[in-house]
Amino acid sequence: MSTTLDAIATVWTDSDGIPIRLVWQGQRFQVTDTPTPLDLDLDAVTHLTAVPIGWRFQGTSLDGVSLVFDVLSFDRAHEWRVIRTYT
């Protein structure tokens, strides 16, 4: 099951810009698989001011809850958004 969202998250990345953990809805998740770049349909967007960066990865909380996250950012150093989760 997937849930479409538009929620701000804090994402930490490694030196190559690949997500390693995130905090979303007050809960910390460690990335527990290999993140995959999202295949973004940029043709569907007509007025981009920046090319978005997107990733899909599984995150697991300290209490063992695992979700798959789609995250998107238009600015690597600042705001990330969770755009979809999968259970």
Protein backbone atom coordinates (compact mmCIF):
# COMPACT_ATOMS: atom_id res chain seq x y z
CA MET A 1 0.00 0.00 0.00
CA SER A 2 1.30 3.48 -0.79
CA THR A 3 0.44 6.86 0.68
CA THR A 4 1.00 10.06 -1.28
CA LEU A 5 2.28 12.93 0.84
CA ASP A 6 4.03 16.24 0.69
CA ALA A 7 5.75 16.35 4.06
CA ILE A 8 9.01 17.98 5.07
CA ALA A 9 11.74 15.65 6.33
CA THR A 10 15.33 16.03 7.39
CA VAL A 11 17.60 13.81 5.30
CA TRP A 12 21.27 13.14 5.94
CA THR A 13 23.39 12.05 3.00
CA ASP A 14 26.87 10.65 2.58
CA SER A 15 29.63 12.51 0.73
CA ASP A 16 28.15 11.37 -2.61
CA GLY A 17 24.70 12.78 -1.78
CA ILE A 18 23.11 9.38 -1.14
CA PRO A 19 20.63 9.25 1.77
CA ILE A 20 21.77 7.46 4.94
CA ARG A 21 19.05 8.46 7.45
CA LEU A 22 16.05 10.71 7.85
CA VAL A 23 13.73 12.18 10.45
CA TRP A 24 10.10 12.30 9.41
CA GLN A 25 7.06 12.97 11.59
CA GLY A 26 9.34 13.10 14.64
CA GLN A 27 10.73 9.61 14.07
CA ARG A 28 14.28 8.70 13.02
CA PHE A 29 14.78 6.13 10.26
CA GLN A 30 18.09 4.55 9.27
CA VAL A 31 18.40 3.71 5.55
CA THR A 32 18.46 -0.10 5.46
CA ASP A 33 18.87 -0.84 1.76
CA THR A 34 20.62 0.67 -1.25
CA PRO A 35 18.88 3.92 -2.26
CA THR A 36 17.73 4.08 -5.86
CA PRO A 37 17.50 7.35 -7.80
CA LEU A 38 13.90 8.17 -8.67
CA ASP A 39 13.01 8.23 -12.35
CA LEU A 40 11.43 11.68 -12.48
CA ASP A 41 9.17 12.64 -15.38
CA LEU A 42 10.64 16.09 -16.00
CA ASP A 43 8.66 16.47 -19.22
CA ALA A 44 5.49 16.70 -17.12
CA VAL A 45 6.80 19.83 -15.37
CA THR A 46 7.01 22.91 -17.54
CA HIS A 47 8.67 25.55 -15.34
CA LEU A 48 11.45 24.04 -13.25
CA THR A 49 13.81 26.46 -11.54
CA ALA A 50 16.07 23.60 -10.43
CA VAL A 51 16.39 19.95 -11.33
CA PRO A 52 15.02 17.87 -8.46
CA ILE A 53 16.97 15.13 -6.74
CA GLY A 54 14.89 12.12 -5.80
CA TRP A 55 15.54 8.81 -4.06
CA ARG A 56 13.63 5.68 -3.08
CA PHE A 57 14.88 3.68 -0.12
CA GLN A 58 13.78 1.58 2.82
CA GLY A 59 14.10 3.17 6.23
CA THR A 60 13.82 1.37 9.55
CA SER A 61 13.04 3.12 12.83
CA LEU A 62 14.65 2.28 16.18
CA ASP A 63 11.52 0.34 17.15
CA GLY A 64 11.69 -1.81 14.00
CA VAL A 65 9.08 -0.14 11.78
CA SER A 66 10.19 -0.30 8.12
CA LEU A 67 8.79 1.87 5.33
CA VAL A 68 9.87 2.60 1.79
CA PHE A 69 10.24 6.32 1.18
CA ASP A 70 10.25 8.41 -1.98
CA VAL A 71 12.01 11.67 -1.15
CA LEU A 72 12.57 14.71 -3.32
CA SER A 73 14.67 17.84 -3.02
CA PHE A 74 15.19 20.80 -5.31
CA ASP A 75 18.17 21.93 -3.25
CA ARG A 76 20.62 19.31 -1.99
CA ALA A 77 21.70 21.29 1.05
CA HIS A 78 18.26 22.26 2.34
CA GLU A 79 14.66 21.09 2.22
CA TRP A 80 13.65 17.51 1.51
CA ARG A 81 10.09 16.30 1.10
CA VAL A 82 8.64 12.83 1.55
CA ILE A 83 6.35 12.49 -1.45
CA ARG A 84 5.26 8.88 -0.95
CA THR A 85 5.61 6.03 1.52
CA TYR A 86 5.02 2.32 1.02
CA THR A 87 4.27 -0.28 3.67
